[in-house]
Amino acid sequence: MGTRKRTLKYVFILLAVLVLLIIVSASIGAAKISLKDTGLIISSFIPGIKNFVSAGLFENQDMVIISRIRLPRIFLSVFVGIALASSGVIFQGLFRNPMADPFVIGVSAGAAFGATVGLVLIKGTGLAGISTTTVFALFGAIATTFLVYNLARIRGKVSVATLLLSGIALSAMLSAMTYLIMLFKVEDMAKIVFWVMGSFTSASWNNFVILAPLVTVLVIVSGFFMRDLNVLSLGDERAVQLGVETEKVKKILLVMASLIAAVAVSMSGIIGFVGLVTPHILRLIVGPDHKILYPTSAIAGGIVLLVSDTLARTVLMPREIPVGIITSIIGVPFFLYLLVKSKRDVF
């Protein structure tokens, strides 16, 4: 079976699973809504189908709950999952390391520091109706990425080792500054901690309308470089022999992956392990070819985060668990398995 047919097969299966889970997730919550009514309500928003769905088939209250509360959160979590998993594939491919993730160069620490500043120092609405927390988190993530990238440049080339070390150093400094602000703003500590752990409690259609186009464009553009990423996995010297401009491709993919992660984190807070675990699982299923791995991991990332957020908001109803805790509970054991496996491979 050709690469295109295999890709379409996996993508179709994953999309079918995603659609089913969206309906199931939208029906779950404090207000119980049947799968049938949920499906009808969602169908009433789809062009070409909504003309065949009568509003009298379901309760108006149920429609409000699903359309204004649950669906914005569901779609936001799906797109954040797509972003984190896509970014994870790129970082793992660039570093040729299955343990690399979107936060390896300090994106998360930069976003956390920016969000903390936005939470405690500036109140009100940010740009285009988006909260100051989100705006400052995005600025912090992008500024950190820019700084790390420039620190890693040596004579026009990007050193992977320096990139990692710069990311670690800046992450430590920004984390310390975040904790320092928390010490002086104890009254805001709970809000900061909840954001840092990752959450979709403030999800809205406004957030989704801004996030979705950005993630879609960045993910699609990055997808055009998957053949080059395949060649880079053979080593820089071999890639040059095969006609790939290694430094140019590395720069483009580093910037794109960092932007994808930064946009996602600014909307959701820090959600770990989605970008680490999802690509590795899909690599075991579909193989290492990035032309297949990239789109399948992206959809799978949306599935993983949708399921995680559904658990986060329903396991302890009416209380809610930060979704970052759920992904860590799932991701940490798998990460430890990777460590053990890599140790066995070495020895």
Protein backbone atom coordinates (compact mmCIF):
# COMPACT_ATOMS: atom_id res chain seq x y z
CA MET A 1 0.00 0.00 0.00
CA GLY A 2 1.39 3.41 -0.98
CA THR A 3 2.23 6.14 1.51
CA ARG A 4 -0.73 8.28 0.49
CA LYS A 5 -3.24 5.43 0.81
CA ARG A 6 -1.83 4.40 4.20
CA THR A 7 -1.99 7.99 5.41
CA LEU A 8 -5.59 8.41 4.24
CA LYS A 9 -6.58 5.13 5.89
CA TYR A 10 -5.13 6.08 9.28
CA VAL A 11 -6.41 9.64 9.05
CA PHE A 12 -9.94 8.47 8.21
CA ILE A 13 -9.98 6.02 11.14
CA LEU A 14 -8.66 8.61 13.60
CA LEU A 15 -11.11 11.28 12.38
CA ALA A 16 -14.00 8.85 12.81
CA VAL A 17 -12.87 8.13 16.38
CA LEU A 18 -12.49 11.86 17.05
CA VAL A 19 -16.01 12.70 15.79
CA LEU A 20 -17.49 9.91 17.92
CA LEU A 21 -15.61 11.09 21.01
CA ILE A 22 -16.72 14.70 20.44
CA ILE A 23 -20.35 13.57 20.55
CA VAL A 24 -19.76 11.40 23.62
CA SER A 25 -17.83 14.13 25.44
CA ALA A 26 -20.51 16.75 24.65
CA SER A 27 -23.15 14.52 26.23
CA ILE A 28 -21.21 14.07 29.49
CA GLY A 29 -21.38 16.58 32.32
CA ALA A 30 -23.40 17.76 35.31
CA ALA A 31 -26.47 17.98 33.05
CA LYS A 32 -27.08 14.59 31.45
CA ILE A 33 -27.91 14.78 27.76
CA SER A 34 -28.53 11.68 25.65
CA LEU A 35 -26.19 10.78 22.80
CA LYS A 36 -29.12 11.07 20.39
CA ASP A 37 -29.98 14.63 21.47
CA THR A 38 -26.32 15.58 21.49
CA GLY A 39 -25.89 14.30 17.95
CA LEU A 40 -28.99 16.19 16.80
CA ILE A 41 -27.84 19.43 18.42
CA ILE A 42 -24.38 19.21 16.87
CA SER A 43 -25.94 18.32 13.50
CA SER A 44 -28.09 21.44 13.70
CA PHE A 45 -24.91 23.53 13.24
CA ILE A 46 -23.60 21.67 10.20
CA PRO A 47 -24.38 23.30 6.83
CA GLY A 48 -26.41 21.03 4.56
CA ILE A 49 -27.61 18.92 7.48
CA LYS A 50 -29.15 21.53 9.76
CA ASN A 51 -32.11 22.00 7.40
CA PHE A 52 -33.21 18.45 8.21
CA VAL A 53 -32.97 18.88 12.00
CA SER A 54 -35.99 20.37 13.76
CA ALA A 55 -35.43 22.44 16.91
CA GLY A 56 -38.43 20.69 18.46
CA LEU A 57 -36.51 17.41 18.65
CA PHE A 58 -34.46 18.53 21.68
CA GLU A 59 -34.68 20.85 24.69
CA ASN A 60 -33.59 24.45 24.23
CA GLN A 61 -31.71 24.30 27.53
CA ASP A 62 -29.69 21.32 26.27
CA MET A 63 -28.78 23.24 23.13
CA VAL A 64 -27.50 26.18 25.21
CA ILE A 65 -25.39 23.89 27.42
CA ILE A 66 -23.81 22.11 24.47
CA SER A 67 -23.37 25.05 22.09
CA ARG A 68 -22.17 27.68 24.57
CA ILE A 69 -20.41 25.67 27.29
CA ARG A 70 -19.27 22.24 26.15
CA LEU A 71 -18.50 22.57 22.43
CA PRO A 72 -16.16 25.60 22.76
CA ARG A 73 -14.19 23.70 25.39
CA ILE A 74 -14.19 20.48 23.38
CA PHE A 75 -12.98 22.08 20.16
CA LEU A 76 -10.39 24.19 21.99
CA SER A 77 -8.97 21.07 23.68
CA VAL A 78 -8.88 19.22 20.35
CA PHE A 79 -6.93 21.99 18.61
CA VAL A 80 -4.53 22.41 21.53
CA GLY A 81 -3.93 18.65 21.40
CA ILE A 82 -3.33 18.86 17.64
CA ALA A 83 -0.85 21.69 18.20
CA LEU A 84 1.11 19.97 20.98
CA ALA A 85 1.33 16.63 19.18
CA SER A 86 2.35 18.26 15.87
CA SER A 87 5.02 20.27 17.62
CA GLY A 88 6.20 17.14 19.43
CA VAL A 89 6.67 15.24 16.15
CA ILE A 90 8.79 18.05 14.75
CA PHE A 91 11.00 18.40 17.83
CA GLN A 92 11.52 14.64 18.08
CA GLY A 93 12.43 14.51 14.40
CA LEU A 94 14.82 17.47 14.60
CA PHE A 95 16.59 16.23 17.72
CA ARG A 96 16.36 12.58 16.58
CA ASN A 97 15.20 11.79 20.09
CA PRO A 98 11.80 10.29 21.05
CA MET A 99 12.03 12.00 24.45
CA ALA A 100 11.99 15.55 23.06
CA ASP A 101 8.77 17.52 23.51
CA PRO A 102 7.37 20.99 22.63
CA PHE A 103 8.62 22.50 25.88
CA VAL A 104 12.25 21.47 25.48
CA ILE A 105 13.48 24.98 24.63
CA GLY A 106 11.64 26.90 27.35
CA VAL A 107 8.26 27.59 25.73
CA SER A 108 6.36 26.48 28.84
CA ALA A 109 8.48 28.49 31.29
CA GLY A 110 8.17 31.60 29.13
CA ALA A 111 4.40 31.18 28.87
CA ALA A 112 4.07 30.59 32.62
CA PHE A 113 6.05 33.72 33.44
CA GLY A 114 4.06 35.80 30.95
CA ALA A 115 0.76 34.44 32.26
CA THR A 116 1.80 35.17 35.84
CA VAL A 117 2.58 38.78 34.97
CA GLY A 118 -0.76 39.06 33.18
CA LEU A 119 -2.65 37.52 36.10
CA VAL A 120 -1.23 39.58 38.94
CA LEU A 121 -0.13 42.88 37.43
CA ILE A 122 -2.63 43.72 34.70
CA LYS A 123 -6.36 43.15 34.93
CA GLY A 124 -9.06 43.31 32.28
CA THR A 125 -9.28 42.40 28.63
CA GLY A 126 -6.28 42.06 26.36
CA LEU A 127 -6.34 42.16 22.58
CA ALA A 128 -9.43 41.31 20.49
CA GLY A 129 -11.37 40.26 23.58
CA ILE A 130 -8.68 37.80 24.68
CA SER A 131 -7.62 37.96 28.34
CA THR A 132 -4.37 39.62 29.37
CA THR A 133 -3.28 36.24 30.74
CA THR A 134 -3.45 34.68 27.27
CA VAL A 135 -1.81 37.66 25.56
CA PHE A 136 1.08 37.79 28.03
CA ALA A 137 1.50 34.00 27.97
CA LEU A 138 1.80 34.07 24.19
CA PHE A 139 4.26 36.98 24.32
CA GLY A 140 6.32 35.23 27.02
CA ALA A 141 6.47 31.96 25.05
CA ILE A 142 7.45 33.65 21.78
CA ALA A 143 10.00 35.96 23.44
CA THR A 144 11.66 33.01 25.20
CA THR A 145 11.78 31.02 21.97
CA PHE A 146 13.33 33.98 20.14
CA LEU A 147 15.95 34.45 22.85
CA VAL A 148 16.86 30.75 23.03
CA TYR A 149 17.08 30.54 19.25
CA ASN A 150 19.44 33.52 19.03
CA LEU A 151 21.60 32.22 21.87
CA ALA A 152 21.96 28.94 19.97
CA ARG A 153 23.06 30.56 16.71
CA ILE A 154 26.75 30.13 16.00
CA ARG A 155 27.97 31.73 12.77
CA GLY A 156 24.51 31.50 11.25
CA LYS A 157 24.01 27.87 12.27
CA VAL A 158 21.79 26.56 15.06
CA SER A 159 23.57 24.26 17.52
CA VAL A 160 21.16 21.65 18.93
CA ALA A 161 23.27 21.20 22.07
CA THR A 162 23.40 24.95 22.74
CA LEU A 163 19.68 25.19 22.01
CA LEU A 164 18.88 22.61 24.69
CA LEU A 165 21.26 24.12 27.25
CA SER A 166 19.92 27.63 26.62
CA GLY A 167 16.37 26.33 26.97
CA ILE A 168 17.17 24.63 30.28
CA ALA A 169 18.95 27.70 31.67
CA LEU A 170 16.20 30.16 30.67
CA SER A 171 13.49 27.79 31.92
CA ALA A 172 15.14 27.65 35.33
CA MET A 173 15.47 31.43 35.53
CA LEU A 174 11.90 32.14 34.36
CA SER A 175 10.49 29.50 36.72
CA ALA A 176 12.34 31.12 39.62
CA MET A 177 10.94 34.53 38.65
CA THR A 178 7.43 33.06 38.46
CA TYR A 179 7.76 31.60 41.97
CA LEU A 180 9.13 34.92 43.22
CA ILE A 181 6.05 36.75 41.96
CA MET A 182 3.86 34.10 43.61
CA LEU A 183 5.58 34.75 46.95
CA PHE A 184 4.76 38.45 46.74
CA LYS A 185 1.23 37.85 45.43
CA VAL A 186 -0.03 35.08 47.70
CA GLU A 187 -3.65 36.10 47.09
CA ASP A 188 -3.24 35.23 43.40
CA MET A 189 -1.29 32.02 43.96
CA ALA A 190 -4.26 29.69 43.43
CA LYS A 191 -5.06 31.27 40.05
CA ILE A 192 -1.43 31.03 38.94
CA VAL A 193 -1.07 27.39 40.01
CA PHE A 194 -4.32 26.42 38.28
CA TRP A 195 -3.18 28.07 35.04
CA VAL A 196 0.29 26.50 35.22
CA MET A 197 -1.30 23.06 35.61
CA GLY A 198 -3.35 23.58 32.44
CA SER A 199 -7.06 24.12 32.17
CA PHE A 200 -9.87 24.88 29.69
CA THR A 201 -12.25 26.42 32.22
CA SER A 202 -12.14 29.79 30.45
CA ALA A 203 -12.72 28.28 26.99
CA SER A 204 -14.93 30.30 24.66
CA TRP A 205 -15.77 30.50 20.97
CA ASN A 206 -13.77 33.73 20.87
CA ASN A 207 -10.63 31.86 21.99
CA PHE A 208 -11.32 29.07 19.53
CA VAL A 209 -11.83 31.43 16.58
CA ILE A 210 -8.37 32.89 17.25
CA LEU A 211 -6.60 29.60 18.01
CA ALA A 212 -7.99 27.38 15.24
CA PRO A 213 -6.85 29.40 12.17
CA LEU A 214 -3.39 29.99 13.65
CA VAL A 215 -2.86 26.32 14.50
CA THR A 216 -4.30 25.18 11.17
CA VAL A 217 -2.03 27.42 9.10
CA LEU A 218 1.11 26.64 11.13
CA VAL A 219 0.47 22.88 11.11
CA ILE A 220 -0.27 22.76 7.37
CA VAL A 221 2.79 24.85 6.45
CA SER A 222 5.01 22.66 8.64
CA GLY A 223 3.57 19.60 6.92
CA PHE A 224 5.25 20.57 3.65
CA PHE A 225 8.64 19.91 5.27
CA MET A 226 7.99 16.34 6.40
CA ARG A 227 9.96 14.84 3.50
CA ASP A 228 12.92 17.01 4.52
CA LEU A 229 12.47 15.89 8.13
CA ASN A 230 12.64 12.27 6.95
CA VAL A 231 15.94 13.00 5.23
CA LEU A 232 17.30 14.90 8.25
CA SER A 233 16.76 11.77 10.35
CA LEU A 234 19.54 10.16 8.30
CA GLY A 235 22.03 12.75 9.58
CA ASP A 236 23.06 16.20 8.39
CA GLU A 237 25.83 14.98 6.10
CA ARG A 238 23.56 12.51 4.31
CA ALA A 239 20.79 15.11 4.10
CA VAL A 240 23.10 17.58 2.36
CA GLN A 241 24.12 14.88 -0.12
CA LEU A 242 20.43 14.34 -0.90
CA GLY A 243 19.90 18.03 -1.63
CA VAL A 244 18.33 19.25 1.61
CA GLU A 245 19.35 22.70 2.88
CA THR A 246 19.75 21.42 6.43
CA GLU A 247 20.28 24.70 8.26
CA LYS A 248 17.42 26.43 6.47
CA VAL A 249 15.01 23.54 7.12
CA LYS A 250 16.07 23.31 10.77
CA LYS A 251 15.48 27.02 11.30
CA ILE A 252 12.05 26.95 9.65
CA LEU A 253 10.89 23.87 11.56
CA LEU A 254 12.25 25.13 14.89
CA VAL A 255 10.41 28.42 14.49
CA MET A 256 7.19 26.76 13.28
CA ALA A 257 7.14 24.10 16.02
CA SER A 258 7.88 26.69 18.70
CA LEU A 259 5.11 28.99 17.44
CA ILE A 260 2.62 26.11 17.33
CA ALA A 261 3.44 25.20 20.93
CA ALA A 262 3.43 28.84 22.06
CA VAL A 263 -0.03 29.54 20.61
CA ALA A 264 -1.44 26.37 22.20
CA VAL A 265 0.07 26.97 25.63
CA SER A 266 -1.12 30.58 25.72
CA MET A 267 -4.72 29.35 25.46
CA SER A 268 -4.59 26.35 27.78
CA GLY A 269 -1.73 26.70 30.22
CA ILE A 270 1.01 24.11 30.48
CA ILE A 271 -0.20 20.64 29.49
CA GLY A 272 2.65 18.18 29.55
CA PHE A 273 3.28 14.81 27.90
CA VAL A 274 0.77 15.16 25.02
CA GLY A 275 3.57 16.24 22.69
CA LEU A 276 5.88 13.57 24.11
CA VAL A 277 3.72 10.47 24.37
CA THR A 278 1.37 10.81 21.40
CA PRO A 279 4.01 10.89 18.62
CA HIS A 280 5.85 7.97 20.18
CA ILE A 281 2.71 5.81 20.37
CA LEU A 282 1.82 6.65 16.76
CA ARG A 283 5.40 5.92 15.70
CA LEU A 284 4.94 2.38 17.04
CA ILE A 285 1.68 2.02 15.06
CA VAL A 286 2.32 3.76 11.72
CA GLY A 287 6.12 3.73 11.58
CA PRO A 288 8.79 6.48 11.48
CA ASP A 289 7.81 8.03 8.12
CA HIS A 290 6.98 11.64 9.06
CA LYS A 291 4.65 12.01 6.07
CA ILE A 292 2.35 9.52 7.82
CA LEU A 293 3.40 10.13 11.43
CA TYR A 294 2.79 13.89 11.36
CA PRO A 295 -0.91 14.02 10.35
CA THR A 296 -1.85 10.92 12.37
CA SER A 297 -0.09 12.20 15.50
CA ALA A 298 -1.84 15.56 15.13
CA ILE A 299 -5.31 13.98 15.12
CA ALA A 300 -4.33 11.52 17.87
CA GLY A 301 -3.12 14.47 19.97
CA GLY A 302 -6.59 16.02 19.67
CA ILE A 303 -8.13 12.71 20.77
CA VAL A 304 -5.78 12.32 23.74
CA LEU A 305 -6.39 15.83 25.06
CA LEU A 306 -10.15 15.63 24.46
CA VAL A 307 -10.35 12.43 26.52
CA SER A 308 -8.07 13.90 29.20
CA ASP A 309 -10.14 17.08 29.51
CA THR A 310 -13.39 15.11 29.62
CA LEU A 311 -11.97 13.13 32.55
CA ALA A 312 -10.70 16.34 34.16
CA ARG A 313 -14.15 17.93 34.24
CA THR A 314 -16.20 14.83 35.11
CA VAL A 315 -14.22 12.55 37.46
CA LEU A 316 -14.77 14.71 40.56
CA MET A 317 -17.93 16.60 39.53
CA PRO A 318 -18.81 19.31 40.43
CA ARG A 319 -15.12 19.98 41.17
CA GLU A 320 -12.65 20.06 38.31
CA ILE A 321 -9.11 18.71 38.02
CA PRO A 322 -6.57 20.69 35.96
CA VAL A 323 -6.15 18.75 32.74
CA GLY A 324 -2.35 18.89 33.09
CA ILE A 325 -2.66 16.58 36.09
CA ILE A 326 -4.58 14.01 34.03
CA THR A 327 -2.07 14.07 31.16
CA SER A 328 0.81 13.76 33.64
CA ILE A 329 -0.79 10.78 35.38
CA ILE A 330 -1.10 9.11 31.99
CA GLY A 331 2.18 10.39 30.55
CA VAL A 332 4.64 9.89 33.41
CA PRO A 333 4.42 6.06 33.47
CA PHE A 334 4.92 5.99 29.70
CA PHE A 335 7.85 8.39 29.98
CA LEU A 336 9.46 6.14 32.61
CA TYR A 337 8.93 3.19 30.29
CA LEU A 338 10.81 5.08 27.55
CA LEU A 339 13.66 5.78 29.95
CA VAL A 340 13.92 2.12 30.99
CA LYS A 341 13.71 0.98 27.37
CA SER A 342 16.42 3.42 26.25
CA LYS A 343 18.66 2.26 29.11
CA ARG A 344 18.26 -1.35 27.98
CA ASP A 345 19.12 -0.37 24.41
CA VAL A 346 22.32 1.31 25.62
CA PHE A 347 23.47 -1.50 27.88
